[in-house]
Amino acid sequence: MPLQNDWLTEVVEGWTGRLTFTLVANGADLNGTGMTVTDMILTGSDGGLIDTASDFGWVSDAAGTVYYDPDANDFKAERSPYKVRFEVTDGAGKKVYFSNAQPDEIKVHPR
């Protein structure tokens, strides 16, 4: 997903609507068939980890599209920007991360 204004996405504090992202490998959308989204690593600007357990997964593994369903307290403007990575594991247990360079960022605006 190309970045706009240097942010992966922007939301308002307290946002609980589903967010979707497309994982990209070598300039193309990832074909994640046979792979599992095993973790979503989300941290606030203070470095604190946000609990995302059971809030993420594939929308379409073949298209490389993942979702995140944030909880009401996940996004706070004072902890913005948030850094995000998805961990994907193949059938042999090998892990890769998206993004694999600098983490993508989510900007949070106050209500």
C-alpha atoms as a PDB file:
ATOM      1  CA  MET A   1       0.000   0.000   0.000  1.00  0.00           C
ATOM      2  CA  PRO A   2       1.608   3.293  -1.003  1.00  0.00           C
ATOM      3  CA  LEU A   3       2.048   5.763   1.798  1.00  0.00           C
ATOM      4  CA  GLN A   4       0.233   9.084   1.746  1.00  0.00           C
ATOM      5  CA  ASN A   5       1.666  11.963   3.759  1.00  0.00           C
ATOM      6  CA  ASP A   6       4.254   9.480   5.109  1.00  0.00           C
ATOM      7  CA  TRP A   7       1.564   7.579   7.088  1.00  0.00           C
ATOM      8  CA  LEU A   8       0.239   4.114   6.393  1.00  0.00           C
ATOM      9  CA  THR A   9      -3.155   5.362   7.539  1.00  0.00           C
ATOM     10  CA  GLU A  10      -4.697   8.017   9.758  1.00  0.00           C
ATOM     11  CA  VAL A  11      -7.496   7.521  12.295  1.00  0.00           C
ATOM     12  CA  VAL A  12      -9.233   9.395  15.100  1.00  0.00           C
ATOM     13  CA  GLU A  13      -8.625   8.497  18.746  1.00  0.00           C
ATOM     14  CA  GLY A  14     -10.977   5.712  19.874  1.00  0.00           C
ATOM     15  CA  TRP A  15     -11.383   4.289  16.328  1.00  0.00           C
ATOM     16  CA  THR A  16     -12.737   0.720  16.359  1.00  0.00           C
ATOM     17  CA  GLY A  17     -13.582   0.235  12.674  1.00  0.00           C
ATOM     18  CA  ARG A  18     -11.754  -2.488  10.752  1.00  0.00           C
ATOM     19  CA  LEU A  19      -8.517  -1.387   9.095  1.00  0.00           C
ATOM     20  CA  THR A  20      -7.151  -3.326   6.122  1.00  0.00           C
ATOM     21  CA  PHE A  21      -3.619  -3.360   4.757  1.00  0.00           C
ATOM     22  CA  THR A  22      -1.937  -5.023   1.788  1.00  0.00           C
ATOM     23  CA  LEU A  23       1.396  -6.723   2.445  1.00  0.00           C
ATOM     24  CA  VAL A  24       3.967  -6.125  -0.300  1.00  0.00           C
ATOM     25  CA  ALA A  25       7.025  -8.237  -1.161  1.00  0.00           C
ATOM     26  CA  ASN A  26       9.484  -7.293  -3.901  1.00  0.00           C
ATOM     27  CA  GLY A  27       7.190  -4.538  -5.174  1.00  0.00           C
ATOM     28  CA  ALA A  28       4.132  -6.784  -5.587  1.00  0.00           C
ATOM     29  CA  ASP A  29       1.225  -7.763  -3.357  1.00  0.00           C
ATOM     30  CA  LEU A  30       2.168 -10.841  -1.323  1.00  0.00           C
ATOM     31  CA  ASN A  31       0.566 -14.149  -2.262  1.00  0.00           C
ATOM     32  CA  GLY A  32       0.210 -15.502   1.271  1.00  0.00           C
ATOM     33  CA  THR A  33      -1.448 -18.783   0.314  1.00  0.00           C
ATOM     34  CA  GLY A  34      -0.313 -21.441   2.802  1.00  0.00           C
ATOM     35  CA  MET A  35       1.003 -18.792   5.214  1.00  0.00           C
ATOM     36  CA  THR A  36      -0.353 -17.618   8.561  1.00  0.00           C
ATOM     37  CA  VAL A  37      -0.449 -14.113  10.038  1.00  0.00           C
ATOM     38  CA  THR A  38       1.041 -15.036  13.411  1.00  0.00           C
ATOM     39  CA  ASP A  39       1.510 -11.631  15.026  1.00  0.00           C
ATOM     40  CA  MET A  40       0.784  -7.949  14.714  1.00  0.00           C
ATOM     41  CA  ILE A  41       3.322  -5.775  16.490  1.00  0.00           C
ATOM     42  CA  LEU A  42       1.854  -2.366  17.324  1.00  0.00           C
ATOM     43  CA  THR A  43       3.679   0.142  19.514  1.00  0.00           C
ATOM     44  CA  GLY A  44       2.908   3.685  20.553  1.00  0.00           C
ATOM     45  CA  SER A  45       5.419   6.532  20.266  1.00  0.00           C
ATOM     46  CA  ASP A  46       6.386   5.812  23.886  1.00  0.00           C
ATOM     47  CA  GLY A  47       7.510   2.306  22.840  1.00  0.00           C
ATOM     48  CA  GLY A  48       4.669   0.618  24.738  1.00  0.00           C
ATOM     49  CA  LEU A  49       3.263  -2.501  23.083  1.00  0.00           C
ATOM     50  CA  ILE A  50      -0.478  -2.578  22.299  1.00  0.00           C
ATOM     51  CA  ASP A  51      -2.278  -5.886  22.884  1.00  0.00           C
ATOM     52  CA  THR A  52      -3.530  -6.977  19.443  1.00  0.00           C
ATOM     53  CA  ALA A  53      -4.173 -10.641  20.295  1.00  0.00           C
ATOM     54  CA  SER A  54      -7.034 -12.079  18.213  1.00  0.00           C
ATOM     55  CA  ASP A  55      -7.621  -8.680  16.541  1.00  0.00           C
ATOM     56  CA  PHE A  56      -5.869  -9.439  13.212  1.00  0.00           C
ATOM     57  CA  GLY A  57      -5.757 -11.978  10.385  1.00  0.00           C
ATOM     58  CA  TRP A  58      -6.134 -12.498   6.658  1.00  0.00           C
ATOM     59  CA  VAL A  59      -8.847 -10.815   4.656  1.00  0.00           C
ATOM     60  CA  SER A  60      -7.434 -12.621   1.602  1.00  0.00           C
ATOM     61  CA  ASP A  61      -4.221 -14.629   1.838  1.00  0.00           C
ATOM     62  CA  ALA A  62      -3.976 -14.885  -1.968  1.00  0.00           C
ATOM     63  CA  ALA A  63      -4.127 -11.078  -2.283  1.00  0.00           C
ATOM     64  CA  GLY A  64      -1.893 -10.431   0.741  1.00  0.00           C
ATOM     65  CA  THR A  65      -4.593  -8.402   2.486  1.00  0.00           C
ATOM     66  CA  VAL A  66      -4.720  -8.388   6.287  1.00  0.00           C
ATOM     67  CA  TYR A  67      -7.100  -6.773   8.782  1.00  0.00           C
ATOM     68  CA  TYR A  68      -6.828  -5.213  12.198  1.00  0.00           C
ATOM     69  CA  ASP A  69      -9.895  -4.670  14.405  1.00  0.00           C
ATOM     70  CA  PRO A  70      -8.706  -2.161  17.035  1.00  0.00           C
ATOM     71  CA  ASP A  71     -10.171  -2.089  20.520  1.00  0.00           C
ATOM     72  CA  ALA A  72     -11.606   1.194  21.880  1.00  0.00           C
ATOM     73  CA  ASN A  73      -8.477   1.995  23.916  1.00  0.00           C
ATOM     74  CA  ASP A  74      -5.857   0.979  21.341  1.00  0.00           C
ATOM     75  CA  PHE A  75      -5.410   4.396  19.696  1.00  0.00           C
ATOM     76  CA  LYS A  76      -4.620   7.482  21.777  1.00  0.00           C
ATOM     77  CA  ALA A  77      -3.547  10.756  20.139  1.00  0.00           C
ATOM     78  CA  GLU A  78      -0.833  11.364  22.753  1.00  0.00           C
ATOM     79  CA  ARG A  79       0.848   8.045  21.775  1.00  0.00           C
ATOM     80  CA  SER A  80       0.840   8.840  18.040  1.00  0.00           C
ATOM     81  CA  PRO A  81       2.409   7.920  15.730  1.00  0.00           C
ATOM     82  CA  TYR A  82       2.047   4.177  16.201  1.00  0.00           C
ATOM     83  CA  LYS A  83       4.471   1.771  14.545  1.00  0.00           C
ATOM     84  CA  VAL A  84       3.104  -1.439  13.028  1.00  0.00           C
ATOM     85  CA  ARG A  85       4.485  -4.691  11.614  1.00  0.00           C
ATOM     86  CA  PHE A  86       2.797  -7.955  10.689  1.00  0.00           C
ATOM     87  CA  GLU A  87       4.559 -11.278  11.231  1.00  0.00           C
ATOM     88  CA  VAL A  88       3.798 -13.974   8.649  1.00  0.00           C
ATOM     89  CA  THR A  89       4.883 -17.604   9.031  1.00  0.00           C
ATOM     90  CA  ASP A  90       5.085 -20.124   6.202  1.00  0.00           C
ATOM     91  CA  GLY A  91       4.292 -23.836   6.433  1.00  0.00           C
ATOM     92  CA  ALA A  92       7.894 -24.622   7.437  1.00  0.00           C
ATOM     93  CA  GLY A  93       7.793 -22.181  10.356  1.00  0.00           C
ATOM     94  CA  LYS A  94       9.929 -19.496   8.698  1.00  0.00           C
ATOM     95  CA  LYS A  95       8.952 -15.961   9.702  1.00  0.00           C
ATOM     96  CA  VAL A  96       8.976 -12.734   7.692  1.00  0.00           C
ATOM     97  CA  TYR A  97       7.848  -9.263   8.699  1.00  0.00           C
ATOM     98  CA  PHE A  98       5.942  -6.595   6.806  1.00  0.00           C
ATOM     99  CA  SER A  99       7.294  -4.058   6.616  1.00  0.00           C
ATOM    100  CA  ASN A 100      10.750  -5.568   6.776  1.00  0.00           C
ATOM    101  CA  ALA A 101      12.580  -2.231   6.980  1.00  0.00           C
ATOM    102  CA  GLN A 102      11.342   0.691   9.074  1.00  0.00           C
ATOM    103  CA  PRO A 103       7.931  -0.091  10.562  1.00  0.00           C
ATOM    104  CA  ASP A 104       4.938   1.553   8.944  1.00  0.00           C
ATOM    105  CA  GLU A 105       3.202   4.283  10.936  1.00  0.00           C
ATOM    106  CA  ILE A 106      -0.386   5.030  11.875  1.00  0.00           C
ATOM    107  CA  LYS A 107      -1.172   8.619  12.802  1.00  0.00           C
ATOM    108  CA  VAL A 108      -3.893   9.208  15.406  1.00  0.00           C
ATOM    109  CA  HIS A 109      -5.774  12.506  15.647  1.00  0.00           C
ATOM    110  CA  PRO A 110      -7.618  13.720  18.751  1.00  0.00           C
ATOM    111  CA  ARG A 111     -11.433  13.545  18.752  1.00  0.00           C
END
